N, C-alpha and C. Protein backbone atom coordinates (compact mmCIF):
# COMPACT_ATOMS: atom_id res chain seq x y z
N MET A 1 22.59 59.29 -53.51
CA MET A 1 23.48 58.45 -52.82
C MET A 1 23.26 58.59 -51.30
N ARG A 2 23.24 57.53 -50.64
CA ARG A 2 23.01 57.53 -49.15
C ARG A 2 24.31 57.68 -48.39
N ASP A 3 24.22 58.31 -47.30
CA ASP A 3 25.41 58.46 -46.40
C ASP A 3 25.69 57.15 -45.67
N VAL A 4 26.89 56.89 -45.33
CA VAL A 4 27.30 55.76 -44.61
C VAL A 4 26.80 55.91 -43.15
N GLU A 5 26.23 54.86 -42.65
CA GLU A 5 25.77 54.80 -41.27
C GLU A 5 26.76 54.06 -40.41
N VAL A 6 27.15 54.60 -39.35
CA VAL A 6 28.03 53.87 -38.38
C VAL A 6 27.40 53.99 -37.00
N ALA A 7 27.31 52.84 -36.34
CA ALA A 7 26.78 52.82 -34.99
C ALA A 7 27.80 52.07 -34.09
N CYS A 8 28.06 52.62 -32.93
CA CYS A 8 28.83 51.97 -31.94
C CYS A 8 28.07 50.84 -31.28
N VAL A 9 28.51 49.60 -31.36
CA VAL A 9 27.80 48.52 -30.74
C VAL A 9 28.18 48.41 -29.32
N THR A 10 29.47 48.62 -28.97
CA THR A 10 29.98 48.67 -27.62
C THR A 10 31.24 49.47 -27.57
N ASP A 11 31.53 49.99 -26.33
CA ASP A 11 32.78 50.73 -26.09
C ASP A 11 33.06 50.61 -24.57
N THR A 12 33.89 49.65 -24.24
CA THR A 12 34.02 49.29 -22.83
C THR A 12 35.44 48.80 -22.49
N SER A 13 35.76 48.86 -21.24
CA SER A 13 36.99 48.25 -20.71
C SER A 13 36.69 47.11 -19.80
N GLU A 14 35.42 46.56 -19.85
CA GLU A 14 35.00 45.50 -18.94
C GLU A 14 34.32 44.36 -19.76
N SER A 15 34.44 43.15 -19.25
CA SER A 15 33.70 42.05 -19.86
C SER A 15 32.23 42.12 -19.39
N TRP A 16 31.41 41.20 -19.86
CA TRP A 16 29.99 41.30 -19.58
C TRP A 16 29.59 41.22 -18.09
N ASP A 17 30.48 40.71 -17.31
CA ASP A 17 30.21 40.57 -15.86
C ASP A 17 30.75 41.72 -15.08
N GLY A 18 31.34 42.73 -15.74
CA GLY A 18 31.78 43.90 -15.10
C GLY A 18 33.22 43.83 -14.73
N THR A 19 33.94 42.74 -14.98
CA THR A 19 35.36 42.62 -14.67
C THR A 19 36.18 43.39 -15.60
N LEU A 20 37.20 44.14 -15.13
CA LEU A 20 38.10 44.92 -16.01
C LEU A 20 38.87 43.96 -16.91
N LEU A 21 39.00 44.34 -18.15
CA LEU A 21 39.74 43.53 -19.10
C LEU A 21 41.20 43.64 -18.86
N PRO A 22 42.02 42.57 -19.07
CA PRO A 22 43.46 42.60 -18.83
C PRO A 22 44.14 43.32 -19.97
N ALA A 23 45.40 43.73 -19.74
CA ALA A 23 46.21 44.35 -20.79
C ALA A 23 46.39 43.35 -21.95
N TYR A 24 46.56 43.94 -23.10
CA TYR A 24 46.80 43.08 -24.29
C TYR A 24 48.14 42.33 -24.06
N PRO A 25 48.31 41.13 -24.58
CA PRO A 25 49.55 40.43 -24.43
C PRO A 25 50.74 41.03 -25.22
N ALA A 26 51.92 40.88 -24.67
CA ALA A 26 53.13 41.33 -25.43
C ALA A 26 53.40 40.34 -26.54
N GLY A 27 54.11 40.82 -27.55
CA GLY A 27 54.49 40.00 -28.67
C GLY A 27 53.89 40.50 -29.99
N THR A 28 54.09 39.75 -30.93
CA THR A 28 53.52 40.12 -32.34
C THR A 28 52.06 40.12 -32.33
N PRO A 29 51.42 41.22 -32.56
CA PRO A 29 49.89 41.24 -32.51
C PRO A 29 49.36 40.24 -33.52
N ARG A 30 48.17 39.65 -33.08
CA ARG A 30 47.46 38.73 -33.94
C ARG A 30 45.94 38.93 -33.73
N VAL A 31 45.33 39.34 -34.76
CA VAL A 31 43.86 39.45 -34.78
C VAL A 31 43.24 38.33 -35.45
N THR A 32 42.25 37.66 -34.82
CA THR A 32 41.47 36.55 -35.38
C THR A 32 39.99 36.83 -35.28
N ILE A 33 39.33 36.60 -36.40
CA ILE A 33 37.86 36.78 -36.46
C ILE A 33 37.27 35.38 -36.82
N GLN A 34 36.31 34.95 -35.95
CA GLN A 34 35.61 33.73 -36.22
C GLN A 34 34.13 33.89 -36.26
N ARG A 35 33.47 33.10 -37.10
CA ARG A 35 31.99 33.13 -37.15
C ARG A 35 31.52 31.75 -36.69
N GLY A 36 30.58 31.77 -35.79
CA GLY A 36 30.09 30.49 -35.30
C GLY A 36 28.57 30.45 -35.40
N VAL A 37 28.10 29.23 -35.64
CA VAL A 37 26.62 28.94 -35.68
C VAL A 37 26.36 27.93 -34.68
N ILE A 38 25.54 28.21 -33.73
CA ILE A 38 25.14 27.35 -32.62
C ILE A 38 23.75 26.79 -32.75
N PRO A 39 23.46 25.53 -32.94
CA PRO A 39 22.19 25.01 -33.09
C PRO A 39 21.30 25.27 -31.83
N PRO A 40 20.01 25.31 -31.97
CA PRO A 40 19.11 25.37 -30.81
C PRO A 40 19.36 24.26 -29.82
N GLY A 41 19.47 24.53 -28.50
CA GLY A 41 19.67 23.54 -27.51
C GLY A 41 21.13 23.12 -27.28
N ALA A 42 22.00 23.63 -28.20
CA ALA A 42 23.45 23.19 -28.06
C ALA A 42 24.13 23.96 -26.88
N THR A 43 25.04 23.20 -26.19
CA THR A 43 25.84 23.81 -25.16
C THR A 43 27.30 23.62 -25.53
N MET A 44 28.00 24.63 -25.48
CA MET A 44 29.44 24.63 -25.68
C MET A 44 30.17 24.09 -24.54
N ALA A 45 31.32 23.52 -24.68
CA ALA A 45 32.11 23.02 -23.57
C ALA A 45 32.67 24.12 -22.70
N MET A 46 32.87 23.84 -21.43
CA MET A 46 33.43 24.82 -20.49
C MET A 46 34.85 25.11 -20.99
N HIS A 47 35.17 26.42 -21.06
CA HIS A 47 36.52 26.85 -21.55
C HIS A 47 36.89 28.19 -20.91
N ARG A 48 38.07 28.63 -21.24
CA ARG A 48 38.44 29.99 -20.84
C ARG A 48 39.28 30.57 -21.96
N HIS A 49 39.37 31.91 -21.94
CA HIS A 49 40.16 32.66 -22.92
C HIS A 49 41.32 33.35 -22.20
N SER A 50 42.45 33.35 -22.89
CA SER A 50 43.61 34.10 -22.29
C SER A 50 43.89 35.43 -22.97
N VAL A 51 43.02 35.76 -23.96
CA VAL A 51 43.15 36.98 -24.73
C VAL A 51 41.85 37.72 -24.77
N VAL A 52 41.82 39.03 -24.86
CA VAL A 52 40.62 39.85 -24.97
C VAL A 52 39.85 39.48 -26.32
N ASN A 53 38.57 39.21 -26.15
CA ASN A 53 37.77 38.92 -27.30
C ASN A 53 36.37 39.48 -27.16
N ALA A 54 35.79 39.82 -28.23
CA ALA A 54 34.41 40.43 -28.19
C ALA A 54 33.79 40.08 -29.55
N GLY A 55 32.48 40.15 -29.58
CA GLY A 55 31.75 39.81 -30.81
C GLY A 55 30.38 40.46 -30.80
N VAL A 56 29.63 40.07 -31.85
CA VAL A 56 28.28 40.57 -32.03
C VAL A 56 27.45 39.38 -32.38
N VAL A 57 26.27 39.25 -31.78
CA VAL A 57 25.29 38.22 -32.10
C VAL A 57 24.53 38.68 -33.32
N LEU A 58 24.67 38.00 -34.45
CA LEU A 58 24.00 38.38 -35.71
C LEU A 58 22.58 37.93 -35.78
N ARG A 59 22.28 36.75 -35.18
CA ARG A 59 20.88 36.27 -35.14
C ARG A 59 20.76 35.26 -34.01
N GLY A 60 19.55 35.13 -33.46
CA GLY A 60 19.36 34.22 -32.39
C GLY A 60 19.74 34.81 -31.05
N GLU A 61 19.98 33.91 -30.07
CA GLU A 61 20.45 34.34 -28.74
C GLU A 61 21.42 33.36 -28.14
N LEU A 62 22.29 33.88 -27.31
CA LEU A 62 23.30 33.04 -26.68
C LEU A 62 23.42 33.37 -25.22
N THR A 63 23.26 32.42 -24.35
CA THR A 63 23.46 32.69 -22.93
C THR A 63 24.83 32.21 -22.49
N VAL A 64 25.62 33.12 -21.86
CA VAL A 64 26.99 32.82 -21.42
C VAL A 64 26.91 32.60 -19.90
N VAL A 65 27.46 31.41 -19.37
CA VAL A 65 27.33 31.13 -17.98
C VAL A 65 28.79 30.94 -17.40
N SER A 66 29.15 31.70 -16.36
CA SER A 66 30.47 31.57 -15.81
C SER A 66 30.51 30.46 -14.79
N ASP A 67 31.67 30.00 -14.35
CA ASP A 67 31.73 28.92 -13.30
C ASP A 67 31.25 29.34 -11.98
N THR A 68 30.99 30.72 -11.80
CA THR A 68 30.40 31.16 -10.53
C THR A 68 28.89 31.09 -10.57
N GLY A 69 28.27 30.78 -11.78
CA GLY A 69 26.82 30.68 -11.93
C GLY A 69 26.22 31.96 -12.47
N ALA A 70 27.10 33.04 -12.54
CA ALA A 70 26.59 34.28 -13.19
C ALA A 70 26.33 33.98 -14.69
N GLU A 71 25.24 34.56 -15.21
CA GLU A 71 24.98 34.38 -16.63
C GLU A 71 24.33 35.63 -17.21
N ARG A 72 24.41 35.71 -18.50
CA ARG A 72 23.79 36.85 -19.30
C ARG A 72 23.40 36.32 -20.65
N THR A 73 22.28 36.69 -21.12
CA THR A 73 21.81 36.35 -22.43
C THR A 73 22.00 37.50 -23.42
N PHE A 74 22.59 37.22 -24.52
CA PHE A 74 22.83 38.14 -25.59
C PHE A 74 21.93 37.83 -26.79
N ARG A 75 21.35 38.86 -27.38
CA ARG A 75 20.39 38.66 -28.46
C ARG A 75 20.92 39.41 -29.73
N ALA A 76 20.25 39.09 -30.81
CA ALA A 76 20.71 39.66 -32.12
C ALA A 76 20.94 41.11 -32.04
N GLY A 77 22.08 41.55 -32.50
CA GLY A 77 22.43 42.99 -32.51
C GLY A 77 23.23 43.45 -31.24
N GLU A 78 23.31 42.58 -30.29
CA GLU A 78 24.05 42.90 -29.04
C GLU A 78 25.50 42.50 -29.06
N ALA A 79 26.35 43.35 -28.48
CA ALA A 79 27.75 43.04 -28.29
C ALA A 79 28.01 42.09 -27.14
N LEU A 80 28.98 41.20 -27.33
CA LEU A 80 29.32 40.28 -26.24
C LEU A 80 30.85 40.45 -25.98
N VAL A 81 31.20 41.05 -24.91
CA VAL A 81 32.62 41.16 -24.49
C VAL A 81 32.86 40.05 -23.53
N GLU A 82 33.71 39.12 -23.94
CA GLU A 82 33.88 37.85 -23.24
C GLU A 82 34.68 38.00 -21.96
N LEU A 83 34.53 36.96 -21.10
CA LEU A 83 35.31 36.83 -19.89
C LEU A 83 36.74 36.44 -20.26
N VAL A 84 37.76 36.91 -19.63
CA VAL A 84 39.13 36.50 -19.88
C VAL A 84 39.70 35.88 -18.64
N GLY A 85 40.15 34.66 -18.71
CA GLY A 85 40.66 33.95 -17.54
C GLY A 85 39.65 33.24 -16.70
N THR A 86 38.41 33.48 -16.90
CA THR A 86 37.33 32.85 -16.14
C THR A 86 36.66 31.77 -16.89
N PRO A 87 36.61 30.58 -16.32
CA PRO A 87 35.89 29.47 -16.99
C PRO A 87 34.39 29.86 -17.21
N HIS A 88 33.92 29.44 -18.40
CA HIS A 88 32.60 29.76 -18.81
C HIS A 88 32.15 28.84 -19.98
N TYR A 89 30.87 28.88 -20.31
CA TYR A 89 30.37 28.18 -21.48
C TYR A 89 29.24 28.95 -22.06
N GLY A 90 28.88 28.64 -23.32
CA GLY A 90 27.70 29.30 -23.93
C GLY A 90 26.63 28.19 -24.21
N VAL A 91 25.41 28.64 -24.13
CA VAL A 91 24.28 27.79 -24.45
C VAL A 91 23.21 28.46 -25.28
N ASN A 92 22.71 27.85 -26.31
CA ASN A 92 21.65 28.41 -27.06
C ASN A 92 20.37 27.80 -26.50
N ARG A 93 19.66 28.61 -25.76
CA ARG A 93 18.39 28.15 -25.12
C ARG A 93 17.20 28.58 -25.97
N GLY A 94 17.46 29.21 -27.06
CA GLY A 94 16.37 29.62 -27.95
C GLY A 94 15.88 28.48 -28.86
N GLY A 95 14.95 28.83 -29.71
CA GLY A 95 14.36 27.83 -30.63
C GLY A 95 14.94 27.98 -32.06
N ALA A 96 15.93 28.82 -32.30
CA ALA A 96 16.53 28.98 -33.62
C ALA A 96 18.05 28.98 -33.49
N GLU A 97 18.69 28.79 -34.65
CA GLU A 97 20.15 28.89 -34.67
C GLU A 97 20.61 30.28 -34.20
N THR A 98 21.79 30.29 -33.59
CA THR A 98 22.44 31.50 -33.14
C THR A 98 23.70 31.66 -34.05
N GLU A 99 23.92 32.87 -34.57
CA GLU A 99 25.11 33.16 -35.37
C GLU A 99 25.83 34.29 -34.63
N VAL A 100 27.15 34.08 -34.39
CA VAL A 100 27.96 35.06 -33.70
C VAL A 100 29.25 35.26 -34.42
N VAL A 101 29.74 36.50 -34.52
CA VAL A 101 31.06 36.82 -35.10
C VAL A 101 31.85 37.26 -33.86
N MET A 102 33.08 36.65 -33.70
CA MET A 102 33.90 37.03 -32.55
C MET A 102 35.28 37.51 -33.06
N PHE A 103 35.80 38.49 -32.34
CA PHE A 103 37.12 39.12 -32.69
C PHE A 103 38.03 38.88 -31.51
N TYR A 104 39.18 38.34 -31.76
CA TYR A 104 40.18 38.02 -30.73
C TYR A 104 41.43 38.94 -30.91
N ALA A 105 41.88 39.56 -29.88
CA ALA A 105 43.09 40.38 -29.92
C ALA A 105 44.21 39.67 -29.21
N GLY A 106 44.99 38.83 -29.91
CA GLY A 106 45.93 37.95 -29.26
C GLY A 106 47.40 38.42 -29.67
N ALA A 107 48.27 37.45 -29.45
CA ALA A 107 49.69 37.75 -29.81
C ALA A 107 50.35 36.38 -30.09
N GLY A 108 51.18 36.40 -31.08
CA GLY A 108 51.94 35.19 -31.45
C GLY A 108 51.16 33.90 -31.50
N ASP A 109 51.58 32.87 -30.72
CA ASP A 109 50.80 31.57 -30.79
C ASP A 109 49.93 31.33 -29.55
N LEU A 110 49.62 32.43 -28.87
CA LEU A 110 48.68 32.28 -27.70
C LEU A 110 47.40 31.64 -28.14
N PRO A 111 46.88 30.67 -27.39
CA PRO A 111 45.66 30.00 -27.76
C PRO A 111 44.44 30.96 -27.57
N LEU A 112 43.44 30.91 -28.48
CA LEU A 112 42.34 31.80 -28.35
C LEU A 112 41.34 31.28 -27.23
N SER A 113 41.31 29.93 -27.06
CA SER A 113 40.45 29.32 -26.08
C SER A 113 41.12 28.06 -25.58
N GLU A 114 40.91 27.75 -24.34
CA GLU A 114 41.43 26.54 -23.72
C GLU A 114 40.30 25.80 -23.03
N PRO A 115 40.15 24.47 -23.29
CA PRO A 115 39.12 23.73 -22.64
C PRO A 115 39.44 23.56 -21.13
N ILE A 116 38.35 23.46 -20.36
CA ILE A 116 38.46 23.19 -18.94
C ILE A 116 37.99 21.70 -18.75
N GLU A 117 38.87 20.92 -18.23
CA GLU A 117 38.60 19.50 -17.97
C GLU A 117 37.74 19.34 -16.76
């Protein structure tokens, strides 16, 4: 029988751009897990999150771009700790689908994401 292997993918109090994460919202805790598949060349709409969220890129790569122009590319196996309150979007600049699992630590009926018009 093999031993269980556990590896820490990330352990941080900062989003990917180095900004400190905000406190968790008050209210009834709500954990949401979403899996997304982003086709090659696809660009997500500009949006912002009001709750702390993080994920792992399972395959492919995803570039996240903030409204300041700062960007970072995350590849398979890497953790992505999202920006909170800062407008941003994701784009798959690679040649293959990107699969990401995201975890949101919200409360009550707070939206996980809000579009930026």
